PDB file of all heavy atoms in Angstrom:
ATOM      1  N   GLY A   1       7.366  12.166 -13.244  1.00  0.00           N
ATOM      2  CA  GLY A   1       5.913  11.974 -13.406  1.00  0.00           C
ATOM      3  C   GLY A   1       5.247  11.961 -12.047  1.00  0.00           C
ATOM      4  O   GLY A   1       4.141  12.608 -11.944  1.00  0.00           O
ATOM      5  N   TYR A   2       5.787  11.237 -11.101  1.00  0.00           N
ATOM      6  CA  TYR A   2       5.203  11.266  -9.748  1.00  0.00           C
ATOM      7  C   TYR A   2       5.105  12.676  -9.195  1.00  0.00           C
ATOM      8  O   TYR A   2       4.005  13.013  -8.661  1.00  0.00           O
ATOM      9  CB  TYR A   2       5.963  10.375  -8.778  1.00  0.00           C
ATOM     10  CG  TYR A   2       6.042   8.875  -9.067  1.00  0.00           C
ATOM     11  CD1 TYR A   2       7.137   8.093  -8.700  1.00  0.00           C
ATOM     12  CD2 TYR A   2       5.080   8.305  -9.845  1.00  0.00           C
ATOM     13  CE1 TYR A   2       7.160   6.769  -8.926  1.00  0.00           C
ATOM     14  CE2 TYR A   2       5.143   6.948 -10.147  1.00  0.00           C
ATOM     15  CZ  TYR A   2       6.157   6.142  -9.630  1.00  0.00           C
ATOM     16  OH  TYR A   2       6.285   4.849  -9.926  1.00  0.00           O
ATOM     17  N   LEU A   3       6.091  13.478  -9.289  1.00  0.00           N
ATOM     18  CA  LEU A   3       6.033  14.733  -8.719  1.00  0.00           C
ATOM     19  C   LEU A   3       5.134  15.639  -9.503  1.00  0.00           C
ATOM     20  O   LEU A   3       4.351  16.468  -8.961  1.00  0.00           O
ATOM     21  CB  LEU A   3       7.410  15.410  -8.755  1.00  0.00           C
ATOM     22  CG  LEU A   3       8.402  14.947  -7.667  1.00  0.00           C
ATOM     23  CD1 LEU A   3       9.633  15.809  -7.642  1.00  0.00           C
ATOM     24  CD2 LEU A   3       7.827  14.876  -6.249  1.00  0.00           C
ATOM     25  N   ASN A   4       5.072  15.499 -10.837  1.00  0.00           N
ATOM     26  CA  ASN A   4       4.226  16.349 -11.666  1.00  0.00           C
ATOM     27  C   ASN A   4       2.723  16.037 -11.457  1.00  0.00           C
ATOM     28  O   ASN A   4       1.864  16.834 -11.602  1.00  0.00           O
ATOM     29  CB  ASN A   4       4.630  16.165 -13.166  1.00  0.00           C
ATOM     30  CG  ASN A   4       5.928  16.795 -13.498  1.00  0.00           C
ATOM     31  OD1 ASN A   4       6.364  17.772 -12.806  1.00  0.00           O
ATOM     32  ND2 ASN A   4       6.572  16.380 -14.540  1.00  0.00           N
ATOM     33  N   ASN A   5       2.515  14.720 -11.266  1.00  0.00           N
ATOM     34  CA  ASN A   5       1.144  14.240 -11.250  1.00  0.00           C
ATOM     35  C   ASN A   5       0.464  14.079  -9.854  1.00  0.00           C
ATOM     36  O   ASN A   5      -0.633  14.526  -9.620  1.00  0.00           O
ATOM     37  CB  ASN A   5       0.982  12.889 -11.930  1.00  0.00           C
ATOM     38  CG  ASN A   5       1.178  12.946 -13.415  1.00  0.00           C
ATOM     39  OD1 ASN A   5       1.062  14.010 -14.027  1.00  0.00           O
ATOM     40  ND2 ASN A   5       1.562  11.822 -14.017  1.00  0.00           N
ATOM     41  N   THR A   6       1.262  13.604  -8.911  1.00  0.00           N
ATOM     42  CA  THR A   6       0.706  13.128  -7.639  1.00  0.00           C
ATOM     43  C   THR A   6       0.095  14.359  -6.864  1.00  0.00           C
ATOM     44  O   THR A   6      -0.792  14.116  -6.062  1.00  0.00           O
ATOM     45  CB  THR A   6       1.775  12.409  -6.782  1.00  0.00           C
ATOM     46  OG1 THR A   6       2.234  11.338  -7.558  1.00  0.00           O
ATOM     47  CG2 THR A   6       1.183  11.960  -5.521  1.00  0.00           C
ATOM     48  N   PHE A   7       0.656  15.500  -7.057  1.00  0.00           N
ATOM     49  CA  PHE A   7       0.285  16.635  -6.206  1.00  0.00           C
ATOM     50  C   PHE A   7      -0.632  17.653  -6.932  1.00  0.00           C
ATOM     51  O   PHE A   7      -0.964  18.693  -6.468  1.00  0.00           O
ATOM     52  CB  PHE A   7       1.506  17.370  -5.659  1.00  0.00           C
ATOM     53  CG  PHE A   7       2.262  16.456  -4.780  1.00  0.00           C
ATOM     54  CD1 PHE A   7       3.534  16.016  -5.227  1.00  0.00           C
ATOM     55  CD2 PHE A   7       1.795  16.041  -3.534  1.00  0.00           C
ATOM     56  CE1 PHE A   7       4.259  15.157  -4.509  1.00  0.00           C
ATOM     57  CE2 PHE A   7       2.611  15.209  -2.727  1.00  0.00           C
ATOM     58  CZ  PHE A   7       3.841  14.669  -3.213  1.00  0.00           C
ATOM     59  N   LYS A   8      -1.187  17.152  -8.122  1.00  0.00           N
ATOM     60  CA  LYS A   8      -2.115  18.050  -8.875  1.00  0.00           C
ATOM     61  C   LYS A   8      -3.498  17.627  -8.708  1.00  0.00           C
ATOM     62  O   LYS A   8      -4.449  18.240  -9.279  1.00  0.00           O
ATOM     63  CB  LYS A   8      -1.706  18.123 -10.342  1.00  0.00           C
ATOM     64  CG  LYS A   8      -2.001  16.833 -11.204  1.00  0.00           C
ATOM     65  CD  LYS A   8      -1.645  17.083 -12.624  1.00  0.00           C
ATOM     66  CE  LYS A   8      -2.068  15.860 -13.501  1.00  0.00           C
ATOM     67  NZ  LYS A   8      -1.637  16.127 -14.900  1.00  0.00           N
ATOM     68  N   PHE A   9      -3.788  16.561  -7.941  1.00  0.00           N
ATOM     69  CA  PHE A   9      -5.183  16.151  -7.741  1.00  0.00           C
ATOM     70  C   PHE A   9      -5.270  15.490  -6.319  1.00  0.00           C
ATOM     71  O   PHE A   9      -4.228  15.169  -5.699  1.00  0.00           O
ATOM     72  CB  PHE A   9      -5.555  15.117  -8.709  1.00  0.00           C
ATOM     73  CG  PHE A   9      -4.968  13.761  -8.603  1.00  0.00           C
ATOM     74  CD1 PHE A   9      -5.707  12.710  -8.027  1.00  0.00           C
ATOM     75  CD2 PHE A   9      -3.731  13.488  -8.986  1.00  0.00           C
ATOM     76  CE1 PHE A   9      -5.175  11.455  -7.852  1.00  0.00           C
ATOM     77  CE2 PHE A   9      -3.094  12.260  -8.822  1.00  0.00           C
ATOM     78  CZ  PHE A   9      -3.853  11.238  -8.223  1.00  0.00           C
ATOM     79  N   LYS A  10      -6.465  15.266  -5.868  1.00  0.00           N
ATOM     80  CA  LYS A  10      -6.711  14.611  -4.647  1.00  0.00           C
ATOM     81  C   LYS A  10      -7.879  13.584  -4.853  1.00  0.00           C
ATOM     82  O   LYS A  10      -8.840  13.954  -5.516  1.00  0.00           O
ATOM     83  CB  LYS A  10      -7.078  15.573  -3.482  1.00  0.00           C
ATOM     84  CG  LYS A  10      -6.008  16.382  -2.965  1.00  0.00           C
ATOM     85  CD  LYS A  10      -6.473  17.228  -1.750  1.00  0.00           C
ATOM     86  CE  LYS A  10      -5.268  17.920  -1.112  1.00  0.00           C
ATOM     87  NZ  LYS A  10      -5.704  18.741   0.049  1.00  0.00           N
ATOM     88  N   LEU A  11      -7.814  12.439  -4.172  1.00  0.00           N
ATOM     89  CA  LEU A  11      -8.854  11.525  -4.276  1.00  0.00           C
ATOM     90  C   LEU A  11      -9.976  12.001  -3.277  1.00  0.00           C
ATOM     91  O   LEU A  11      -9.726  12.622  -2.353  1.00  0.00           O
ATOM     92  CB  LEU A  11      -8.373  10.159  -3.864  1.00  0.00           C
ATOM     93  CG  LEU A  11      -7.350   9.465  -4.726  1.00  0.00           C
ATOM     94  CD1 LEU A  11      -6.876   8.116  -4.120  1.00  0.00           C
ATOM     95  CD2 LEU A  11      -7.959   9.188  -6.164  1.00  0.00           C
ATOM     96  N   THR A  12     -11.191  11.703  -3.649  1.00  0.00           N
ATOM     97  CA  THR A  12     -12.299  12.022  -2.771  1.00  0.00           C
ATOM     98  C   THR A  12     -12.299  10.978  -1.558  1.00  0.00           C
ATOM     99  O   THR A  12     -11.772   9.854  -1.823  1.00  0.00           O
ATOM    100  CB  THR A  12     -13.685  12.039  -3.444  1.00  0.00           C
ATOM    101  OG1 THR A  12     -13.935  10.604  -3.792  1.00  0.00           O
ATOM    102  CG2 THR A  12     -13.625  12.796  -4.724  1.00  0.00           C
ATOM    103  N   PRO A  13     -12.933  11.406  -0.487  1.00  0.00           N
ATOM    104  CA  PRO A  13     -13.054  10.327   0.589  1.00  0.00           C
ATOM    105  C   PRO A  13     -13.735   9.153   0.153  1.00  0.00           C
ATOM    106  O   PRO A  13     -13.335   7.955   0.612  1.00  0.00           O
ATOM    107  CB  PRO A  13     -13.859  11.096   1.684  1.00  0.00           C
ATOM    108  CG  PRO A  13     -13.588  12.551   1.422  1.00  0.00           C
ATOM    109  CD  PRO A  13     -13.421  12.647  -0.068  1.00  0.00           C
ATOM    110  N   GLU A  14     -14.695   9.208  -0.746  1.00  0.00           N
ATOM    111  CA  GLU A  14     -15.423   8.070  -1.243  1.00  0.00           C
ATOM    112  C   GLU A  14     -14.531   7.131  -1.998  1.00  0.00           C
ATOM    113  O   GLU A  14     -14.574   5.872  -1.952  1.00  0.00           O
ATOM    114  CB  GLU A  14     -16.625   8.469  -2.100  1.00  0.00           C
ATOM    115  CG  GLU A  14     -17.731   9.159  -1.266  1.00  0.00           C
ATOM    116  CD  GLU A  14     -17.425  10.628  -0.979  1.00  0.00           C
ATOM    117  OE1 GLU A  14     -16.515  11.171  -1.569  1.00  0.00           O
ATOM    118  OE2 GLU A  14     -18.029  11.137  -0.025  1.00  0.00           O
ATOM    119  N   GLU A  15     -13.651   7.742  -2.829  1.00  0.00           N
ATOM    120  CA  GLU A  15     -12.666   6.995  -3.680  1.00  0.00           C
ATOM    121  C   GLU A  15     -11.652   6.267  -2.810  1.00  0.00           C
ATOM    122  O   GLU A  15     -11.368   5.119  -3.059  1.00  0.00           O
ATOM    123  CB  GLU A  15     -12.060   7.896  -4.674  1.00  0.00           C
ATOM    124  CG  GLU A  15     -12.942   8.374  -5.829  1.00  0.00           C
ATOM    125  CD  GLU A  15     -12.468   9.528  -6.565  1.00  0.00           C
ATOM    126  OE1 GLU A  15     -11.408  10.210  -6.178  1.00  0.00           O
ATOM    127  OE2 GLU A  15     -13.039   9.855  -7.671  1.00  0.00           O
ATOM    128  N   ILE A  16     -11.181   6.982  -1.763  1.00  0.00           N
ATOM    129  CA  ILE A  16     -10.219   6.312  -0.837  1.00  0.00           C
ATOM    130  C   ILE A  16     -10.895   5.189  -0.127  1.00  0.00           C
ATOM    131  O   ILE A  16     -10.286   4.080  -0.069  1.00  0.00           O
ATOM    132  CB  ILE A  16      -9.804   7.416   0.259  1.00  0.00           C
ATOM    133  CG1 ILE A  16      -9.022   8.521  -0.406  1.00  0.00           C
ATOM    134  CG2 ILE A  16      -8.969   6.704   1.335  1.00  0.00           C
ATOM    135  CD1 ILE A  16      -8.815   9.758   0.452  1.00  0.00           C
ATOM    136  N   GLN A  17     -12.165   5.352   0.297  1.00  0.00           N
ATOM    137  CA  GLN A  17     -12.846   4.292   0.965  1.00  0.00           C
ATOM    138  C   GLN A  17     -13.052   3.117   0.031  1.00  0.00           C
ATOM    139  O   GLN A  17     -12.941   1.891   0.482  1.00  0.00           O
ATOM    140  CB  GLN A  17     -14.178   4.816   1.511  1.00  0.00           C
ATOM    141  CG  GLN A  17     -14.980   3.717   2.306  1.00  0.00           C
ATOM    142  CD  GLN A  17     -14.247   3.314   3.594  1.00  0.00           C
ATOM    143  OE1 GLN A  17     -13.394   4.081   4.073  1.00  0.00           O
ATOM    144  NE2 GLN A  17     -14.553   2.136   4.056  1.00  0.00           N
ATOM    145  N   LYS A  18     -13.472   3.364  -1.243  1.00  0.00           N
ATOM    146  CA  LYS A  18     -13.726   2.275  -2.113  1.00  0.00           C
ATOM    147  C   LYS A  18     -12.508   1.416  -2.410  1.00  0.00           C
ATOM    148  O   LYS A  18     -12.514   0.171  -2.416  1.00  0.00           O
ATOM    149  CB  LYS A  18     -14.262   2.841  -3.443  1.00  0.00           C
ATOM    150  CG  LYS A  18     -14.737   1.746  -4.480  1.00  0.00           C
ATOM    151  CD  LYS A  18     -15.413   2.325  -5.576  1.00  0.00           C
ATOM    152  CE  LYS A  18     -15.951   1.172  -6.507  1.00  0.00           C
ATOM    153  NZ  LYS A  18     -16.632   1.727  -7.751  1.00  0.00           N
ATOM    154  N   ILE A  19     -11.295   2.107  -2.583  1.00  0.00           N
ATOM    155  CA  ILE A  19     -10.075   1.351  -2.728  1.00  0.00           C
ATOM    156  C   ILE A  19      -9.779   0.485  -1.549  1.00  0.00           C
ATOM    157  O   ILE A  19      -9.395  -0.644  -1.639  1.00  0.00           O
ATOM    158  CB  ILE A  19      -8.915   2.336  -3.008  1.00  0.00           C
ATOM    159  CG1 ILE A  19      -9.040   2.983  -4.386  1.00  0.00           C
ATOM    160  CG2 ILE A  19      -7.553   1.599  -2.989  1.00  0.00           C
ATOM    161  CD1 ILE A  19      -8.073   4.111  -4.672  1.00  0.00           C
ATOM    162  N   SER A  20      -9.989   1.141  -0.392  1.00  0.00           N
ATOM    163  CA  SER A  20      -9.832   0.406   0.884  1.00  0.00           C
ATOM    164  C   SER A  20     -10.612  -0.861   1.028  1.00  0.00           C
ATOM    165  O   SER A  20     -10.170  -1.964   1.331  1.00  0.00           O
ATOM    166  CB  SER A  20     -10.015   1.262   2.125  1.00  0.00           C
ATOM    167  OG  SER A  20      -9.193   2.422   2.096  1.00  0.00           O
ATOM    168  N   GLU A  21     -11.892  -0.727   0.734  1.00  0.00           N
ATOM    169  CA  GLU A  21     -12.780  -1.866   0.794  1.00  0.00           C
ATOM    170  C   GLU A  21     -12.505  -2.933  -0.164  1.00  0.00           C
ATOM    171  O   GLU A  21     -12.527  -4.123   0.120  1.00  0.00           O
ATOM    172  CB  GLU A  21     -14.296  -1.348   0.693  1.00  0.00           C
ATOM    173  CG  GLU A  21     -14.819  -0.535   1.782  1.00  0.00           C
ATOM    174  CD  GLU A  21     -14.703  -1.210   3.152  1.00  0.00           C
ATOM    175  OE1 GLU A  21     -15.038  -2.412   3.194  1.00  0.00           O
ATOM    176  OE2 GLU A  21     -14.235  -0.610   4.145  1.00  0.00           O
ATOM    177  N   LEU A  22     -12.218  -2.634  -1.429  1.00  0.00           N
ATOM    178  CA  LEU A  22     -11.921  -3.430  -2.409  1.00  0.00           C
ATOM    179  C   LEU A  22     -10.572  -4.238  -2.090  1.00  0.00           C
ATOM    180  O   LEU A  22     -10.423  -5.496  -2.220  1.00  0.00           O
ATOM    181  CB  LEU A  22     -11.723  -2.899  -3.807  1.00  0.00           C
ATOM    182  CG  LEU A  22     -13.029  -2.450  -4.514  1.00  0.00           C
ATOM    183  CD1 LEU A  22     -12.701  -1.518  -5.709  1.00  0.00           C
ATOM    184  CD2 LEU A  22     -13.881  -3.608  -4.925  1.00  0.00           C
ATOM    185  N   GLY A  23      -9.571  -3.405  -1.547  1.00  0.00           N
ATOM    186  CA  GLY A  23      -8.358  -4.074  -1.086  1.00  0.00           C
ATOM    187  C   GLY A  23      -8.446  -5.124  -0.094  1.00  0.00           C
ATOM    188  O   GLY A  23      -7.656  -6.085  -0.023  1.00  0.00           O
ATOM    189  N   LYS A  24      -9.468  -5.064   0.753  1.00  0.00           N
ATOM    190  CA  LYS A  24      -9.591  -6.142   1.885  1.00  0.00           C
ATOM    191  C   LYS A  24     -10.013  -7.438   1.287  1.00  0.00           C
ATOM    192  O   LYS A  24     -10.047  -8.417   2.010  1.00  0.00           O
ATOM    193  CB  LYS A  24     -10.730  -5.598   2.796  1.00  0.00           C
ATOM    194  CG  LYS A  24     -10.204  -4.386   3.591  1.00  0.00           C
ATOM    195  CD  LYS A  24     -11.351  -3.783   4.495  1.00  0.00           C
ATOM    196  CE  LYS A  24     -10.931  -2.594   5.238  1.00  0.00           C
ATOM    197  NZ  LYS A  24     -11.912  -1.963   6.055  1.00  0.00           N
ATOM    198  N   GLN A  25     -10.409  -7.564   0.052  1.00  0.00           N
ATOM    199  CA  GLN A  25     -10.766  -8.772  -0.645  1.00  0.00           C
ATOM    200  C   GLN A  25      -9.492  -9.649  -0.914  1.00  0.00           C
ATOM    201  O   GLN A  25      -9.691 -10.805  -1.275  1.00  0.00           O
ATOM    202  CB  GLN A  25     -11.497  -8.561  -1.865  1.00  0.00           C
ATOM    203  CG  GLN A  25     -12.889  -7.796  -1.659  1.00  0.00           C
ATOM    204  CD  GLN A  25     -13.559  -7.486  -2.928  1.00  0.00           C
ATOM    205  OE1 GLN A  25     -13.265  -8.017  -4.004  1.00  0.00           O
ATOM    206  NE2 GLN A  25     -14.478  -6.560  -2.901  1.00  0.00           N
ATOM    207  N   LYS A  26      -8.352  -9.088  -0.717  1.00  0.00           N
ATOM    208  CA  LYS A  26      -7.104  -9.885  -1.075  1.00  0.00           C
ATOM    209  C   LYS A  26      -6.018  -9.501  -0.089  1.00  0.00           C
ATOM    210  O   LYS A  26      -5.982  -8.428   0.449  1.00  0.00           O
ATOM    211  CB  LYS A  26      -6.608  -9.447  -2.546  1.00  0.00           C
ATOM    212  CG  LYS A  26      -5.349 -10.179  -2.932  1.00  0.00           C
ATOM    213  CD  LYS A  26      -4.992  -9.960  -4.422  1.00  0.00           C
ATOM    214  CE  LYS A  26      -3.723 -10.703  -4.804  1.00  0.00           C
ATOM    215  NZ  LYS A  26      -3.530 -10.733  -6.251  1.00  0.00           N
ATOM    216  N   HIS A  27      -5.159 -10.510   0.184  1.00  0.00           N
ATOM    217  CA  HIS A  27      -4.101 -10.239   1.069  1.00  0.00           C
ATOM    218  C   HIS A  27      -2.705 -10.562   0.378  1.00  0.00           C
ATOM    219  O   HIS A  27      -2.621 -11.556  -0.251  1.00  0.00           O
ATOM    220  CB  HIS A  27      -4.169 -11.182   2.335  1.00  0.00           C
ATOM    221  CG  HIS A  27      -3.002 -10.945   3.361  1.00  0.00           C
ATOM    222  ND1 HIS A  27      -2.954  -9.940   4.173  1.00  0.00           N
ATOM    223  CD2 HIS A  27      -1.931 -11.680   3.553  1.00  0.00           C
ATOM    224  CE1 HIS A  27      -1.839 -10.037   4.922  1.00  0.00           C
ATOM    225  NE2 HIS A  27      -1.151 -11.039   4.526  1.00  0.00           N
ATOM    226  N   TYR A  28      -1.899  -9.593   0.509  1.00  0.00           N
ATOM    227  CA  TYR A  28      -0.441  -9.782  -0.069  1.00  0.00           C
ATOM    228  C   TYR A  28       0.507  -9.020   0.772  1.00  0.00           C
ATOM    229  O   TYR A  28       0.242  -7.877   1.173  1.00  0.00           O
ATOM    230  CB  TYR A  28      -0.367  -9.225  -1.447  1.00  0.00           C
ATOM    231  CG  TYR A  28       0.992  -9.184  -2.035  1.00  0.00           C
ATOM    232  CD1 TYR A  28       1.569 -10.310  -2.683  1.00  0.00           C
ATOM    233  CD2 TYR A  28       1.797  -8.101  -1.830  1.00  0.00           C
ATOM    234  CE1 TYR A  28       2.884 -10.344  -3.012  1.00  0.00           C
ATOM    235  CE2 TYR A  28       3.113  -8.080  -2.292  1.00  0.00           C
ATOM    236  CZ  TYR A  28       3.602  -9.228  -2.867  1.00  0.00           C
ATOM    237  OH  TYR A  28       4.967  -9.194  -3.304  1.00  0.00           O
ATOM    238  N   HIS A  29       1.602  -9.640   1.101  1.00  0.00           N
ATOM    239  CA  HIS A  29       2.647  -8.946   1.787  1.00  0.00           C
ATOM    240  C   HIS A  29       4.010  -9.419   1.213  1.00  0.00           C
ATOM    241  O   HIS A  29       4.141 -10.533   0.824  1.00  0.00           O
ATOM    242  CB  HIS A  29       2.638  -9.145   3.257  1.00  0.00           C
ATOM    243  CG  HIS A  29       3.026 -10.510   3.829  1.00  0.00           C
ATOM    244  ND1 HIS A  29       4.356 -10.867   4.047  1.00  0.00           N
ATOM    245  CD2 HIS A  29       2.242 -11.557   4.158  1.00  0.00           C
ATOM    246  CE1 HIS A  29       4.349 -12.097   4.427  1.00  0.00           C
ATOM    247  NE2 HIS A  29       3.120 -12.582   4.487  1.00  0.00           N
ATOM    248  N   GLY A  30       4.932  -8.426   1.119  1.00  0.00           N
ATOM    249  CA  GLY A  30       6.220  -8.713   0.595  1.00  0.00           C
ATOM    250  C   GLY A  30       7.086  -9.526   1.555  1.00  0.00           C
ATOM    251  O   GLY A  30       6.598 -10.018   2.547  1.00  0.00           O
ATOM    252  N   LEU A  31       8.408  -9.576   1.329  1.00  0.00           N
ATOM    253  CA  LEU A  31       9.272 -10.370   2.027  1.00  0.00           C
ATOM    254  C   LEU A  31      10.131  -9.685   3.075  1.00  0.00           C
ATOM    255  O   LEU A  31      11.032 -10.267   3.628  1.00  0.00           O
ATOM    256  CB  LEU A  31      10.205 -11.100   0.982  1.00  0.00           C
ATOM    257  CG  LEU A  31       9.514 -12.047  -0.024  1.00  0.00           C
ATOM    258  CD1 LEU A  31      10.527 -12.624  -0.987  1.00  0.00           C
ATOM    259  CD2 LEU A  31       8.800 -13.153   0.719  1.00  0.00           C
ATOM    260  N   ALA A  32       9.837  -8.413   3.319  1.00  0.00           N
ATOM    261  CA  ALA A  32      10.648  -7.676   4.212  1.00  0.00           C
ATOM    262  C   ALA A  32      10.846  -8.261   5.573  1.00  0.00           C
ATOM    263  O   ALA A  32      11.908  -8.472   6.118  1.00  0.00           O
ATOM    264  CB  ALA A  32      10.186  -6.198   4.324  1.00  0.00           C
ATOM    265  N   VAL A  33       9.752  -8.556   6.204  1.00  0.00           N
ATOM    266  CA  VAL A  33       9.699  -9.169   7.586  1.00  0.00           C
ATOM    267  C   VAL A  33      10.383 -10.561   7.586  1.00  0.00           C
ATOM    268  O   VAL A  33      11.170 -10.867   8.511  1.00  0.00           O
ATOM    269  CB  VAL A  33       8.287  -9.270   8.202  1.00  0.00           C
ATOM    270  CG1 VAL A  33       8.303 -10.078   9.449  1.00  0.00           C
ATOM    271  CG2 VAL A  33       7.763  -7.830   8.395  1.00  0.00           C
ATOM    272  N   GLU A  34      10.156 -11.326   6.550  1.00  0.00           N
ATOM    273  CA  GLU A  34      10.699 -12.707   6.477  1.00  0.00           C
ATOM    274  C   GLU A  34      12.212 -12.600   6.283  1.00  0.00           C
ATOM    275  O   GLU A  34      13.034 -13.290   6.896  1.00  0.00           O
ATOM    276  CB  GLU A  34      10.107 -13.475   5.230  1.00  0.00           C
ATOM    277  CG  GLU A  34       8.734 -13.984   5.548  1.00  0.00           C
ATOM    278  CD  GLU A  34       7.641 -12.948   5.282  1.00  0.00           C
ATOM    279  OE1 GLU A  34       8.050 -11.726   5.020  1.00  0.00           O
ATOM    280  OE2 GLU A  34       6.411 -13.300   5.351  1.00  0.00           O
ATOM    281  N   PHE A  35      12.684 -11.628   5.478  1.00  0.00           N
ATOM    282  CA  PHE A  35      14.085 -11.367   5.271  1.00  0.00           C
ATOM    283  C   PHE A  35      14.761 -10.979   6.583  1.00  0.00           C
ATOM    284  O   PHE A  35      15.836 -11.527   6.996  1.00  0.00           O
ATOM    285  CB  PHE A  35      14.316 -10.244   4.280  1.00  0.00           C
ATOM    286  CG  PHE A  35      15.785  -9.786   4.108  1.00  0.00           C
ATOM    287  CD1 PHE A  35      16.612 -10.498   3.279  1.00  0.00           C
ATOM    288  CD2 PHE A  35      16.230  -8.742   4.845  1.00  0.00           C
ATOM    289  CE1 PHE A  35      17.926 -10.112   3.159  1.00  0.00           C
ATOM    290  CE2 PHE A  35      17.540  -8.363   4.764  1.00  0.00           C
ATOM    291  CZ  PHE A  35      18.399  -9.035   3.917  1.00  0.00           C
ATOM    292  N   MET A  36      14.169 -10.021   7.349  1.00  0.00           N
ATOM    293  CA  MET A  36      14.845  -9.547   8.589  1.00  0.00           C
ATOM    294  C   MET A  36      14.819 -10.733   9.616  1.00  0.00           C
ATOM    295  O   MET A  36      15.734 -10.812  10.373  1.00  0.00           O
ATOM    296  CB  MET A  36      14.094  -8.348   9.097  1.00  0.00           C
ATOM    297  CG  MET A  36      14.104  -7.126   8.187  1.00  0.00           C
ATOM    298  SD  MET A  36      15.732  -6.530   7.907  1.00  0.00           S
ATOM    299  CE  MET A  36      16.065  -5.594   9.456  1.00  0.00           C
ATOM    300  N   THR A  37      13.812 -11.495   9.542  1.00  0.00           N
ATOM    301  CA  THR A  37      13.697 -12.661  10.530  1.00  0.00           C
ATOM    302  C   THR A  37      14.778 -13.662  10.215  1.00  0.00           C
ATOM    303  O   THR A  37      15.550 -14.079  11.094  1.00  0.00           O
ATOM    304  CB  THR A  37      12.343 -13.310  10.359  1.00  0.00           C
ATOM    305  OG1 THR A  37      11.327 -12.521  10.904  1.00  0.00           O
ATOM    306  CG2 THR A  37      12.312 -14.631  11.220  1.00  0.00           C
ATOM    307  N   ARG A  38      14.975 -13.947   8.957  1.00  0.00           N
ATOM    308  CA  ARG A  38      15.958 -14.922   8.571  1.00  0.00           C
ATOM    309  C   ARG A  38      17.458 -14.457   8.917  1.00  0.00           C
ATOM    310  O   ARG A  38      18.265 -15.286   9.401  1.00  0.00           O
ATOM    311  CB  ARG A  38      15.893 -15.141   7.033  1.00  0.00           C
ATOM    312  CG  ARG A  38      16.897 -16.070   6.498  1.00  0.00           C
ATOM    313  CD  ARG A  38      16.786 -16.209   4.980  1.00  0.00           C
ATOM    314  NE  ARG A  38      17.876 -17.039   4.403  1.00  0.00           N
ATOM    315  CZ  ARG A  38      18.048 -17.204   3.130  1.00  0.00           C
ATOM    316  NH1 ARG A  38      17.207 -16.574   2.231  1.00  0.00           N
ATOM    317  NH2 ARG A  38      19.038 -17.898   2.629  1.00  0.00           N
ATOM    318  N   PHE A  39      17.776 -13.222   8.733  1.00  0.00           N
ATOM    319  CA  PHE A  39      19.050 -12.746   8.897  1.00  0.00           C
ATOM    320  C   PHE A  39      19.333 -12.168  10.340  1.00  0.00           C
ATOM    321  O   PHE A  39      20.576 -12.203  10.668  1.00  0.00           O
ATOM    322  CB  PHE A  39      19.406 -11.629   7.825  1.00  0.00           C
ATOM    323  CG  PHE A  39      19.700 -12.200   6.518  1.00  0.00           C
ATOM    324  CD1 PHE A  39      18.723 -12.344   5.563  1.00  0.00           C
ATOM    325  CD2 PHE A  39      20.986 -12.591   6.130  1.00  0.00           C
ATOM    326  CE1 PHE A  39      18.990 -12.897   4.353  1.00  0.00           C
ATOM    327  CE2 PHE A  39      21.246 -13.143   4.913  1.00  0.00           C
ATOM    328  CZ  PHE A  39      20.293 -13.301   4.005  1.00  0.00           C
ATOM    329  N   TYR A  40      18.304 -11.732  11.056  1.00  0.00           N
ATOM    330  CA  TYR A  40      18.633 -11.180  12.273  1.00  0.00           C
ATOM    331  C   TYR A  40      17.863 -11.797  13.428  1.00  0.00           C
ATOM    332  O   TYR A  40      17.999 -11.365  14.615  1.00  0.00           O
ATOM    333  CB  TYR A  40      18.303  -9.632  12.265  1.00  0.00           C
ATOM    334  CG  TYR A  40      19.095  -8.933  11.187  1.00  0.00           C
ATOM    335  CD1 TYR A  40      18.437  -8.532   9.998  1.00  0.00           C
ATOM    336  CD2 TYR A  40      20.417  -8.652  11.330  1.00  0.00           C
ATOM    337  CE1 TYR A  40      19.197  -7.827   9.029  1.00  0.00           C
ATOM    338  CE2 TYR A  40      21.191  -8.052  10.391  1.00  0.00           C
ATOM    339  CZ  TYR A  40      20.565  -7.632   9.194  1.00  0.00           C
ATOM    340  OH  TYR A  40      21.295  -6.933   8.215  1.00  0.00           O
ATOM    341  N   GLY A  41      17.106 -12.852  13.147  1.00  0.00           N
ATOM    342  CA  GLY A  41      16.315 -13.503  14.235  1.00  0.00           C
ATOM    343  C   GLY A  41      14.994 -12.792  14.596  1.00  0.00           C
ATOM    344  O   GLY A  41      14.742 -11.616  14.239  1.00  0.00           O
ATOM    345  N   ASN A  42      14.125 -13.526  15.301  1.00  0.00           N
ATOM    346  CA  ASN A  42      12.787 -13.014  15.590  1.00  0.00           C
ATOM    347  C   ASN A  42      12.373 -13.728  16.877  1.00  0.00           C
ATOM    348  O   ASN A  42      11.913 -14.888  16.859  1.00  0.00           O
ATOM    349  CB  ASN A  42      11.797 -13.268  14.486  1.00  0.00           C
ATOM    350  CG  ASN A  42      10.469 -12.685  14.697  1.00  0.00           C
ATOM    351  OD1 ASN A  42      10.005 -12.528  15.815  1.00  0.00           O
ATOM    352  ND2 ASN A  42       9.734 -12.410  13.524  1.00  0.00           N
TER     353      ASN A  42
END
């Protein structure tokens, strides 16, 4: 589905910007950095 769908359209610059602006209203990050810190030091 990703291959069939993702390359058959493009978002407009305005749509990209709107997602970006809305995204700034929330912060979330996964555990990758915390995992690497715990096991390999920081």
